[in-house]
Protein backbone atom coordinates (compact mmCIF):
# COMPACT_ATOMS: atom_id res chain seq x y z
CA MET A 1 0.01 18.52 5.22
CA THR A 2 -0.60 15.86 7.79
CA LYS A 3 -2.37 13.29 5.62
CA ALA A 4 -0.69 10.58 3.61
CA PHE A 5 -2.51 8.50 1.04
CA ILE A 6 -0.90 5.13 0.43
CA ILE A 7 -2.08 3.81 -2.92
CA GLY A 8 -2.05 0.04 -3.29
CA ASN A 9 -3.07 -1.75 -6.44
CA GLY A 10 -6.01 -3.84 -5.26
CA PRO A 11 -9.05 -3.98 -7.55
CA SER A 12 -11.26 -2.00 -5.15
CA ARG A 13 -9.61 1.26 -6.22
CA LYS A 14 -10.39 0.72 -9.91
CA GLY A 15 -12.22 3.75 -11.23
CA TYR A 16 -11.59 5.89 -8.16
CA PRO A 17 -10.26 9.32 -9.31
CA LEU A 18 -7.00 9.44 -7.35
CA GLU A 19 -6.14 12.84 -8.81
CA LYS A 20 -8.79 14.34 -6.50
CA LEU A 21 -6.46 13.61 -3.58
CA LYS A 22 -3.56 15.67 -4.96
CA ASP A 23 -4.17 18.73 -2.78
CA LYS A 24 -5.53 16.84 0.24
CA GLY A 25 -2.25 15.24 1.30
CA THR A 26 0.85 13.45 0.08
CA MET A 27 0.40 10.41 -2.14
CA PHE A 28 2.71 7.41 -1.80
CA GLY A 29 2.14 5.01 -4.68
CA CYS A 30 3.17 1.39 -4.85
CA ASN A 31 5.01 -0.31 -7.67
CA ALA A 32 3.37 0.00 -11.09
CA LEU A 33 0.95 2.79 -10.16
CA TYR A 34 3.08 5.22 -12.15
CA ARG A 35 2.36 3.33 -15.41
CA ASP A 36 -1.07 4.79 -15.93
CA PHE A 37 -1.04 7.72 -13.58
CA TYR A 38 2.23 9.65 -13.57
CA LYS A 39 2.26 11.16 -17.07
CA GLN A 40 -1.34 12.31 -16.86
CA HIS A 41 -1.35 13.74 -13.31
CA ASP A 42 2.31 14.06 -12.15
CA LEU A 43 1.41 11.77 -9.25
CA PRO A 44 2.16 10.02 -6.97
CA HIS A 45 4.33 12.39 -4.97
CA TYR A 46 6.45 9.34 -4.03
CA LEU A 47 6.64 5.84 -5.48
CA VAL A 48 7.78 2.86 -3.37
CA ALA A 49 8.94 -0.55 -4.61
CA ILE A 50 10.89 -3.47 -3.15
CA ASP A 51 10.78 -6.13 -5.86
CA GLU A 52 13.77 -6.16 -8.21
CA LYS A 53 11.81 -6.58 -11.44
CA ILE A 54 9.56 -3.58 -10.83
CA ILE A 55 12.45 -1.53 -9.39
CA THR A 56 14.38 -2.04 -12.64
CA GLU A 57 11.32 -1.06 -14.69
CA ILE A 58 10.82 2.15 -12.70
CA GLU A 59 14.51 3.05 -12.87
CA HIS A 60 14.30 2.79 -16.68
CA SER A 61 11.12 4.88 -16.85
CA ASP A 62 10.77 8.65 -16.80
CA PHE A 63 9.44 8.67 -13.23
CA PRO A 64 11.62 11.17 -11.30
CA SER A 65 14.36 9.36 -9.38
CA SER A 66 14.14 11.99 -6.61
CA ARG A 67 10.62 10.74 -5.85
CA PHE A 68 11.33 7.02 -6.16
CA ILE A 69 11.94 5.22 -2.87
CA VAL A 70 13.62 1.82 -2.62
CA PRO A 71 13.78 1.16 1.12
CA PRO A 72 17.02 -0.15 2.62
CA PHE A 73 17.33 -3.92 2.20
CA GLU A 74 16.69 -4.72 5.89
CA GLU A 75 13.45 -2.71 5.81
CA GLN A 76 12.19 -4.88 2.95
CA PHE A 77 11.44 -7.63 5.47
CA GLU A 78 9.01 -7.80 8.36
CA PRO A 79 10.85 -6.53 11.46
CA GLN A 80 12.51 -9.04 13.76
CA ASP A 81 10.57 -7.65 16.72
CA TYR A 82 7.35 -8.77 14.96
CA ARG A 83 8.37 -12.42 14.68
CA PRO A 84 11.87 -13.04 16.03
CA GLY A 85 13.82 -15.58 14.03
CA VAL A 86 11.47 -15.42 11.03
CA ARG A 87 12.57 -13.50 7.95
CA THR A 88 9.45 -12.82 5.89
CA ARG A 89 9.52 -10.49 2.92
CA SER A 90 7.37 -7.39 3.36
CA ASN A 91 5.43 -5.70 0.56
CA ALA A 92 5.58 -2.27 -1.06
CA GLY A 93 2.38 -1.14 0.64
CA MET A 94 3.71 -1.73 4.13
CA ASN A 95 7.01 -0.13 3.16
CA ALA A 96 5.11 2.90 1.84
CA CYS A 97 3.29 3.18 5.18
CA PHE A 98 6.61 3.13 6.99
CA GLU A 99 8.06 5.75 4.63
CA ALA A 100 5.08 8.03 5.35
CA ILE A 101 5.57 7.58 9.10
CA LYS A 102 9.29 8.32 8.79
CA LYS A 103 8.37 11.58 7.01
CA GLY A 104 6.12 12.56 9.94
CA TYR A 105 2.63 11.83 8.61
CA LYS A 106 0.14 10.98 11.37
CA GLU A 107 -3.06 10.37 9.39
CA ILE A 108 -2.64 7.56 6.87
CA TYR A 109 -5.28 6.49 4.34
CA LEU A 110 -4.86 3.08 2.69
CA ILE A 111 -6.44 2.83 -0.76
CA GLY A 112 -6.42 -0.42 -2.72
CA PHE A 113 -5.13 -2.41 0.28
CA ASP A 114 -7.57 -5.18 -0.45
CA PHE A 115 -5.98 -7.80 1.80
CA ILE A 116 -8.31 -6.37 4.46
CA ILE A 117 -11.36 -7.48 2.48
CA ALA A 118 -12.65 -10.92 3.48
CA ASP A 119 -13.34 -12.04 -0.09
CA LYS A 120 -10.79 -14.39 -1.64
CA GLU A 121 -11.03 -12.99 -5.17
CA ILE A 122 -10.77 -9.35 -4.16
CA ALA A 123 -8.14 -9.94 -1.46
CA ILE A 124 -5.64 -11.47 -3.88
CA GLY A 125 -6.45 -9.38 -6.94
CA ASN A 126 -4.14 -6.77 -8.41
CA LEU A 127 -4.90 -4.24 -11.12
CA TYR A 128 -1.63 -5.14 -12.85
CA ASP A 129 -2.03 -8.94 -12.81
CA GLY A 130 -0.37 -10.55 -15.81
CA THR A 131 1.95 -7.63 -16.58
CA ASN A 132 5.70 -7.22 -16.00
CA GLY A 133 6.42 -7.92 -12.33
CA TYR A 134 2.92 -9.26 -11.74
CA GLU A 135 3.12 -12.68 -13.32
CA MET A 136 0.91 -15.40 -11.84
CA GLU A 137 3.81 -17.03 -9.98
CA THR A 138 4.26 -13.84 -7.94
CA ARG A 139 0.57 -13.40 -7.12
CA ALA A 140 -0.40 -13.32 -3.45
CA THR A 141 -2.50 -16.13 -2.04
CA PHE A 142 -5.39 -15.79 0.38
CA SER A 143 -3.05 -17.09 3.11
CA ASP A 144 -0.69 -14.22 2.24
CA SER A 145 -3.59 -11.81 2.68
CA ILE A 146 -4.44 -13.21 6.12
CA ALA A 147 -0.77 -12.90 7.10
CA ARG A 148 -0.82 -9.26 5.93
CA VAL A 149 -3.84 -8.59 8.15
CA THR A 150 -1.98 -9.98 11.16
CA PHE A 151 1.18 -8.04 10.31
CA PHE A 152 -0.76 -4.81 9.79
CA GLU A 153 -2.45 -5.20 13.17
CA TRP A 154 0.98 -5.50 14.81
CA PHE A 155 2.25 -2.52 12.76
CA ALA A 156 -0.69 -0.33 13.80
CA ARG A 157 -0.12 -1.18 17.45
CA LYS A 158 3.57 -0.35 17.13
CA PHE A 159 2.73 3.03 15.58
CA PHE A 160 -0.14 3.74 18.00
CA GLN A 161 0.39 7.51 17.62
CA ASN A 162 -0.80 7.27 14.00
CA ASP A 163 -4.35 6.91 12.71
CA PHE A 164 -4.89 4.47 9.83
CA TYR A 165 -7.96 4.48 7.57
CA PHE A 166 -8.66 1.58 5.22
CA VAL A 167 -10.70 2.89 2.29
CA ILE A 168 -13.11 0.13 1.28
CA PRO A 169 -16.09 -0.29 -1.04
CA GLU A 170 -19.54 -0.02 0.52
CA GLY A 171 -20.84 -3.39 1.61
CA ALA A 172 -17.42 -5.03 1.74
CA LYS A 173 -16.88 -7.45 4.59
CA VAL A 174 -13.48 -6.88 6.21
CA HIS A 175 -11.19 -8.78 8.54
CA PRO A 176 -11.41 -7.28 12.02
CA LEU A 177 -8.35 -5.58 13.48
CA ARG A 178 -8.00 -5.40 17.25
CA THR A 179 -6.46 -1.97 17.63
CA ASN A 180 -7.98 1.43 18.36
CA ASN A 181 -6.12 3.44 15.71
CA VAL A 182 -7.47 1.64 12.61
CA ARG A 183 -10.78 2.52 11.03
CA GLY A 184 -12.59 1.89 7.80
CA ILE A 185 -14.19 4.47 5.54
CA HIS A 186 -15.91 4.18 2.19
CA TYR A 187 -14.57 5.55 -1.07
CA LYS A 188 -17.43 8.05 -1.29
CA ASP A 189 -16.51 9.46 2.15
CA ILE A 190 -12.82 10.09 1.45
CA GLN A 191 -13.53 13.27 -0.49
């Protein structure tokens, strides 16, 4: 398989039947995705987390440890060649993209990566808001979302040999990315 599906937890993916992707590529889930998905569908194929609270929760769950990825500590930060001298924490979604690239995937679909959507409420929303590891004090701000757009643009340029597809709802206005290997598709078109 050459396709990787990176499953973020933005509200745009609510109601989308992720299980339909099982045989279309490899699914890399982020953080708490396993809570309501793993037992029913034995997915995602891999689960990525970088925040200690959610890592501990996953380690104490029945999610298979052989499929759980905690990236090396240095990879949990934006790379120094992105912004030398600045040490900014990354996020599980970006780490999941990097894990997919390290495993050789060339075609990467980003589902629930709502920082790309130019709507303040959607961009900062998370399906697990208010639960363990997703308390309000850890919630992303709209400024965080804009920073993620800028970082993703740099990331896509660095990995120019890959094709990235943001899966977005129809009619959503998105932040533009100035790179040739990033496209948008609608949820209805991913099947």
